[in-house]
């Protein structure tokens, strides 16, 4: 699932009389999902997912953990898995 998020960021400057002087631009962000795993734990799985995302995405501004899962074999946890939403700004 891929979403495009529009962030309206307005920077306003006022002069000494309180009149608006300048307005600056909008920013557009995109959201994509990444799934990562680690035998160590959930925190490590998040770090693995983030490290991988930074190899191909520029302008990452945040992550959101959407889901936590574990893989079990022979009554033992063998892998911690996370599904992440990666938010990054689109270049102009």
Protein backbone atom coordinates (compact mmCIF):
# COMPACT_ATOMS: atom_id res chain seq x y z
CA UNK A 1 0.00 0.00 0.00
CA UNK A 2 1.44 3.36 -0.98
CA UNK A 3 -0.06 6.69 0.02
CA UNK A 4 0.86 10.21 -0.84
CA UNK A 5 0.55 12.66 2.01
CA UNK A 6 0.40 16.40 1.41
CA UNK A 7 1.87 18.47 4.19
CA UNK A 8 0.94 22.12 4.03
CA UNK A 9 3.67 23.97 5.80
CA UNK A 10 3.33 27.72 5.78
CA UNK A 11 6.07 29.95 7.08
CA UNK A 12 4.86 33.46 7.69
CA UNK A 13 6.97 36.49 8.56
CA UNK A 14 5.57 39.73 9.93
CA UNK A 15 7.03 43.21 9.82
CA UNK A 16 7.27 45.50 12.86
CA UNK A 17 3.68 46.71 12.27
CA UNK A 18 2.32 43.17 12.39
CA UNK A 19 1.66 42.92 8.65
CA UNK A 20 2.35 39.66 6.86
CA UNK A 21 5.47 39.93 4.70
CA UNK A 22 6.23 36.51 3.18
CA UNK A 23 4.72 33.11 2.77
CA UNK A 24 6.80 30.09 1.95
CA UNK A 25 5.99 26.86 0.17
CA UNK A 26 4.21 23.56 0.54
CA UNK A 27 5.93 20.24 1.00
CA UNK A 28 4.71 16.89 -0.30
CA UNK A 29 5.58 13.62 1.38
CA UNK A 30 5.16 10.05 0.28
CA UNK A 31 4.51 7.05 2.50
CA UNK A 32 5.74 3.55 1.71
CA UNK A 33 5.80 0.32 3.71
CA UNK A 34 8.80 -1.77 4.68
CA UNK A 35 8.85 -5.13 6.43
CA UNK A 36 11.99 -6.14 8.33
CA UNK A 37 13.06 -8.85 10.72
CA UNK A 38 15.71 -9.62 13.32
CA UNK A 39 16.51 -12.60 15.54
CA UNK A 40 17.43 -10.16 18.34
CA UNK A 41 14.21 -8.22 19.00
CA UNK A 42 11.64 -5.69 17.80
CA UNK A 43 13.88 -2.67 18.35
CA UNK A 44 16.62 -4.27 16.26
CA UNK A 45 14.09 -5.14 13.53
CA UNK A 46 13.06 -1.46 13.39
CA UNK A 47 16.71 -0.44 13.06
CA UNK A 48 17.23 -3.00 10.27
CA UNK A 49 14.18 -1.68 8.39
CA UNK A 50 15.27 1.93 8.81
CA UNK A 51 18.85 1.17 7.70
CA UNK A 52 17.54 -0.55 4.57
CA UNK A 53 15.12 2.29 3.76
CA UNK A 54 17.91 4.87 3.98
CA UNK A 55 19.80 3.06 1.21
CA UNK A 56 17.15 3.89 -1.40
CA UNK A 57 15.05 6.73 0.02
CA UNK A 58 16.17 10.30 0.60
CA UNK A 59 14.46 12.84 2.84
CA UNK A 60 13.05 10.41 5.42
CA UNK A 61 11.20 12.38 8.08
CA UNK A 62 9.66 9.62 10.16
CA UNK A 63 8.64 6.02 10.72
CA UNK A 64 5.48 4.49 12.12
CA UNK A 65 5.32 0.93 13.41
CA UNK A 66 2.19 -0.61 11.92
CA UNK A 67 2.53 -4.19 13.08
CA UNK A 68 4.64 -6.46 15.27
CA UNK A 69 4.87 -10.21 14.65
CA UNK A 70 7.08 -13.10 15.63
CA UNK A 71 8.09 -16.24 13.75
CA UNK A 72 8.00 -19.39 15.87
CA UNK A 73 9.74 -22.70 15.20
CA UNK A 74 9.81 -25.66 17.60
CA UNK A 75 8.12 -23.65 20.37
CA UNK A 76 10.76 -20.86 20.21
CA UNK A 77 10.74 -17.35 18.79
CA UNK A 78 13.20 -17.33 15.91
CA UNK A 79 12.52 -13.91 14.39
CA UNK A 80 10.94 -10.61 15.41
CA UNK A 81 9.21 -8.87 12.50
CA UNK A 82 7.95 -5.33 12.05
CA UNK A 83 5.92 -3.64 9.36
CA UNK A 84 6.89 0.01 9.09
CA UNK A 85 5.46 3.02 7.35
CA UNK A 86 8.33 5.18 6.07
CA UNK A 87 7.54 8.86 5.46
CA UNK A 88 9.82 10.84 3.17
CA UNK A 89 9.66 14.20 1.38
CA UNK A 90 9.45 14.28 -2.38
CA UNK A 91 12.12 16.33 -4.07
CA UNK A 92 11.15 19.41 -6.02
